[in-house]
Amino acid sequence: MRELETNMQLSGLTASELAERLGISADDVTRSLAMDNPNPLHVWMVRDALETAVREAGKEPVPYSSMTEANRKKAAEWFGAGDYR
C-alpha cells in the first residue's frame, strides 16, 4: 500500500526503529510496508505507529484509502486489530 510507504518516509524512521517501537521484527515491518504476505495485525500496527511517528516529526500523515477508521471495526472483528497509536 503506497500510503504506508509514504508515511514511512515522512516519519524519518527506519524499519528497525519502527519494529522496536512495535515489538515486532524489522522483517515484519518490511513485509507490511510492501504488502508481501504480511500478518494483517502487523499491517494495522505499522499503520497506527506511522501515523503517530509522522505527527511526532511535525508533519501530517498521508490519509489511508482502505485502512480507514471505518474499516478498523471490521479489522478488529476479523483478526483482533486494535488501536496502536
N, C-alpha and C. Protein backbone atom coordinates (compact mmCIF):
# COMPACT_ATOMS: atom_id res chain seq x y z
N MET A 1 0.85 -1.17 0.00
CA MET A 1 0.00 0.00 0.00
C MET A 1 0.89 1.23 0.00
N ARG A 2 0.72 2.04 -0.97
CA ARG A 2 1.57 3.21 -1.16
C ARG A 2 1.52 4.17 0.02
N GLU A 3 0.36 4.29 0.68
CA GLU A 3 0.25 5.22 1.81
C GLU A 3 1.18 4.84 2.95
N LEU A 4 1.34 3.54 3.19
CA LEU A 4 2.24 3.09 4.25
C LEU A 4 3.68 3.51 3.94
N GLU A 5 4.10 3.28 2.70
CA GLU A 5 5.47 3.63 2.31
C GLU A 5 5.70 5.14 2.40
N THR A 6 4.72 5.92 1.98
CA THR A 6 4.85 7.38 2.03
C THR A 6 4.94 7.84 3.48
N ASN A 7 4.09 7.31 4.34
CA ASN A 7 4.13 7.70 5.75
C ASN A 7 5.42 7.21 6.42
N MET A 8 5.95 6.10 5.96
CA MET A 8 7.24 5.64 6.49
C MET A 8 8.32 6.68 6.16
N GLN A 9 8.33 7.16 4.94
CA GLN A 9 9.31 8.18 4.55
C GLN A 9 9.12 9.46 5.36
N LEU A 10 7.87 9.88 5.53
CA LEU A 10 7.58 11.09 6.29
C LEU A 10 7.99 10.97 7.75
N SER A 11 7.92 9.75 8.28
CA SER A 11 8.24 9.54 9.70
C SER A 11 9.72 9.73 9.99
N GLY A 12 10.57 9.43 8.99
CA GLY A 12 12.01 9.50 9.20
C GLY A 12 12.56 8.30 9.93
N LEU A 13 11.72 7.31 10.22
CA LEU A 13 12.17 6.11 10.93
C LEU A 13 12.70 5.06 9.96
N THR A 14 13.55 4.20 10.46
CA THR A 14 13.97 3.00 9.71
C THR A 14 13.03 1.87 10.08
N ALA A 15 13.07 0.80 9.31
CA ALA A 15 12.25 -0.37 9.62
C ALA A 15 12.62 -0.93 11.00
N SER A 16 13.90 -0.90 11.32
CA SER A 16 14.35 -1.41 12.63
C SER A 16 13.82 -0.55 13.77
N GLU A 17 13.83 0.78 13.59
CA GLU A 17 13.33 1.67 14.63
C GLU A 17 11.83 1.49 14.85
N LEU A 18 11.10 1.35 13.74
CA LEU A 18 9.66 1.13 13.86
C LEU A 18 9.37 -0.23 14.49
N ALA A 19 10.13 -1.23 14.10
CA ALA A 19 9.96 -2.56 14.67
C ALA A 19 10.18 -2.55 16.18
N GLU A 20 11.19 -1.81 16.61
CA GLU A 20 11.48 -1.72 18.04
C GLU A 20 10.31 -1.08 18.80
N ARG A 21 9.73 -0.06 18.22
CA ARG A 21 8.56 0.59 18.84
C ARG A 21 7.40 -0.39 19.00
N LEU A 22 7.27 -1.27 18.02
CA LEU A 22 6.11 -2.16 17.97
C LEU A 22 6.35 -3.53 18.62
N GLY A 23 7.60 -3.88 18.85
CA GLY A 23 7.88 -5.20 19.40
C GLY A 23 7.72 -6.32 18.39
N ILE A 24 7.94 -5.99 17.11
CA ILE A 24 7.93 -6.99 16.04
C ILE A 24 9.27 -6.89 15.32
N SER A 25 9.51 -7.78 14.37
CA SER A 25 10.80 -7.77 13.67
C SER A 25 10.80 -6.73 12.55
N ALA A 26 11.99 -6.31 12.16
CA ALA A 26 12.14 -5.40 11.03
C ALA A 26 11.62 -6.06 9.76
N ASP A 27 11.77 -7.38 9.66
CA ASP A 27 11.24 -8.11 8.51
C ASP A 27 9.72 -8.02 8.47
N ASP A 28 9.07 -8.10 9.64
CA ASP A 28 7.61 -7.95 9.70
C ASP A 28 7.19 -6.56 9.23
N VAL A 29 7.95 -5.55 9.62
CA VAL A 29 7.66 -4.18 9.18
C VAL A 29 7.82 -4.09 7.66
N THR A 30 8.91 -4.61 7.14
CA THR A 30 9.18 -4.56 5.70
C THR A 30 8.09 -5.27 4.91
N ARG A 31 7.68 -6.46 5.39
CA ARG A 31 6.60 -7.20 4.71
C ARG A 31 5.30 -6.42 4.74
N SER A 32 5.04 -5.75 5.87
CA SER A 32 3.81 -4.95 5.98
C SER A 32 3.83 -3.77 5.02
N LEU A 33 4.96 -3.09 4.94
CA LEU A 33 5.09 -1.94 4.04
C LEU A 33 4.92 -2.35 2.58
N ALA A 34 5.48 -3.50 2.23
CA ALA A 34 5.43 -3.98 0.85
C ALA A 34 4.16 -4.77 0.56
N MET A 35 3.37 -5.03 1.61
CA MET A 35 2.19 -5.88 1.50
C MET A 35 2.57 -7.23 0.87
N ASP A 36 3.69 -7.77 1.36
CA ASP A 36 4.24 -9.04 0.88
C ASP A 36 3.85 -10.15 1.85
N ASN A 37 2.61 -10.60 1.73
CA ASN A 37 2.07 -11.66 2.58
C ASN A 37 2.26 -11.34 4.08
N PRO A 38 1.87 -10.14 4.49
CA PRO A 38 2.09 -9.76 5.89
C PRO A 38 1.02 -10.32 6.81
N ASN A 39 1.33 -10.31 8.08
CA ASN A 39 0.33 -10.59 9.10
C ASN A 39 -0.60 -9.37 9.12
N PRO A 40 -1.91 -9.54 8.93
CA PRO A 40 -2.81 -8.38 8.89
C PRO A 40 -2.76 -7.54 10.16
N LEU A 41 -2.56 -8.17 11.29
CA LEU A 41 -2.45 -7.42 12.54
C LEU A 41 -1.23 -6.50 12.51
N HIS A 42 -0.12 -6.99 11.97
CA HIS A 42 1.09 -6.17 11.87
C HIS A 42 0.88 -4.97 10.96
N VAL A 43 0.10 -5.15 9.90
CA VAL A 43 -0.16 -4.03 8.99
C VAL A 43 -0.88 -2.90 9.73
N TRP A 44 -1.87 -3.25 10.55
CA TRP A 44 -2.57 -2.23 11.32
C TRP A 44 -1.66 -1.61 12.37
N MET A 45 -0.80 -2.41 12.97
CA MET A 45 0.14 -1.87 13.94
C MET A 45 1.08 -0.86 13.28
N VAL A 46 1.60 -1.23 12.11
CA VAL A 46 2.51 -0.35 11.37
C VAL A 46 1.77 0.92 10.97
N ARG A 47 0.56 0.78 10.48
CA ARG A 47 -0.25 1.93 10.06
C ARG A 47 -0.37 2.94 11.21
N ASP A 48 -0.79 2.44 12.37
CA ASP A 48 -1.02 3.33 13.51
C ASP A 48 0.27 3.95 14.04
N ALA A 49 1.32 3.14 14.13
CA ALA A 49 2.60 3.65 14.63
C ALA A 49 3.16 4.71 13.68
N LEU A 50 2.97 4.51 12.38
CA LEU A 50 3.45 5.51 11.42
C LEU A 50 2.65 6.81 11.54
N GLU A 51 1.37 6.69 11.74
CA GLU A 51 0.55 7.90 11.91
C GLU A 51 1.08 8.73 13.08
N THR A 52 1.37 8.07 14.18
CA THR A 52 1.92 8.76 15.35
C THR A 52 3.30 9.32 15.05
N ALA A 53 4.16 8.53 14.43
CA ALA A 53 5.53 8.96 14.16
C ALA A 53 5.58 10.15 13.22
N VAL A 54 4.71 10.17 12.23
CA VAL A 54 4.69 11.30 11.29
C VAL A 54 4.28 12.57 12.04
N ARG A 55 3.29 12.45 12.90
CA ARG A 55 2.87 13.63 13.68
C ARG A 55 3.97 14.07 14.64
N GLU A 56 4.67 13.10 15.23
CA GLU A 56 5.79 13.44 16.12
C GLU A 56 6.90 14.18 15.35
N ALA A 57 7.01 13.89 14.07
CA ALA A 57 8.00 14.56 13.22
C ALA A 57 7.52 15.93 12.75
N GLY A 58 6.32 16.31 13.20
CA GLY A 58 5.79 17.63 12.86
C GLY A 58 5.16 17.71 11.48
N LYS A 59 4.77 16.56 10.96
CA LYS A 59 4.17 16.50 9.62
C LYS A 59 2.76 15.93 9.72
N GLU A 60 2.05 16.00 8.61
CA GLU A 60 0.70 15.45 8.53
C GLU A 60 0.76 14.13 7.75
N PRO A 61 0.25 13.04 8.34
CA PRO A 61 0.28 11.76 7.63
C PRO A 61 -0.60 11.78 6.38
N VAL A 62 -0.18 11.01 5.39
CA VAL A 62 -0.99 10.81 4.19
C VAL A 62 -2.19 9.97 4.61
N PRO A 63 -3.41 10.36 4.21
CA PRO A 63 -4.58 9.57 4.59
C PRO A 63 -4.59 8.21 3.91
N TYR A 64 -5.22 7.26 4.56
CA TYR A 64 -5.30 5.90 4.04
C TYR A 64 -6.59 5.70 3.26
N SER A 65 -6.49 5.03 2.13
CA SER A 65 -7.66 4.83 1.28
C SER A 65 -8.49 3.61 1.70
N SER A 66 -7.84 2.57 2.22
CA SER A 66 -8.60 1.38 2.62
C SER A 66 -8.48 1.09 4.12
N MET A 67 -7.40 1.49 4.73
CA MET A 67 -7.23 1.25 6.17
C MET A 67 -7.75 2.46 6.95
N THR A 68 -9.05 2.68 6.78
CA THR A 68 -9.71 3.84 7.36
C THR A 68 -10.23 3.52 8.76
N GLU A 69 -10.62 4.55 9.46
CA GLU A 69 -11.23 4.34 10.78
C GLU A 69 -12.50 3.50 10.64
N ALA A 70 -13.24 3.70 9.57
CA ALA A 70 -14.45 2.92 9.35
C ALA A 70 -14.14 1.43 9.21
N ASN A 71 -12.99 1.10 8.63
CA ASN A 71 -12.61 -0.31 8.46
C ASN A 71 -11.92 -0.90 9.69
N ARG A 72 -11.57 -0.06 10.65
CA ARG A 72 -10.91 -0.55 11.86
C ARG A 72 -11.81 -1.55 12.61
N LYS A 73 -13.10 -1.28 12.68
CA LYS A 73 -14.03 -2.19 13.37
C LYS A 73 -14.03 -3.56 12.71
N LYS A 74 -14.05 -3.57 11.39
CA LYS A 74 -14.01 -4.84 10.66
C LYS A 74 -12.71 -5.58 10.95
N ALA A 75 -11.60 -4.85 10.95
CA ALA A 75 -10.31 -5.46 11.23
C ALA A 75 -10.28 -6.04 12.64
N ALA A 76 -10.90 -5.36 13.56
CA ALA A 76 -10.96 -5.86 14.95
C ALA A 76 -11.74 -7.16 15.00
N GLU A 77 -12.82 -7.23 14.27
CA GLU A 77 -13.64 -8.44 14.24
C GLU A 77 -12.91 -9.59 13.54
N TRP A 78 -12.22 -9.28 12.45
CA TRP A 78 -11.57 -10.33 11.65
C TRP A 78 -10.32 -10.90 12.30
N PHE A 79 -9.45 -10.04 12.81
CA PHE A 79 -8.18 -10.55 13.34
C PHE A 79 -7.69 -9.82 14.58
N GLY A 80 -8.61 -9.20 15.30
CA GLY A 80 -8.26 -8.64 16.60
C GLY A 80 -7.45 -7.37 16.58
N ALA A 81 -7.50 -6.62 15.47
CA ALA A 81 -6.74 -5.37 15.39
C ALA A 81 -7.33 -4.35 16.36
N GLY A 82 -6.43 -3.70 17.08
CA GLY A 82 -6.84 -2.63 18.00
C GLY A 82 -6.35 -1.30 17.48
N ASP A 83 -6.20 -0.38 18.39
CA ASP A 83 -5.67 0.94 18.04
C ASP A 83 -4.27 1.02 18.62
N TYR A 84 -3.27 1.14 17.77
CA TYR A 84 -1.87 1.07 18.18
C TYR A 84 -1.16 2.41 18.09
N ARG A 85 -1.93 3.50 18.17
CA ARG A 85 -1.32 4.82 18.10
C ARG A 85 -0.77 5.24 19.44
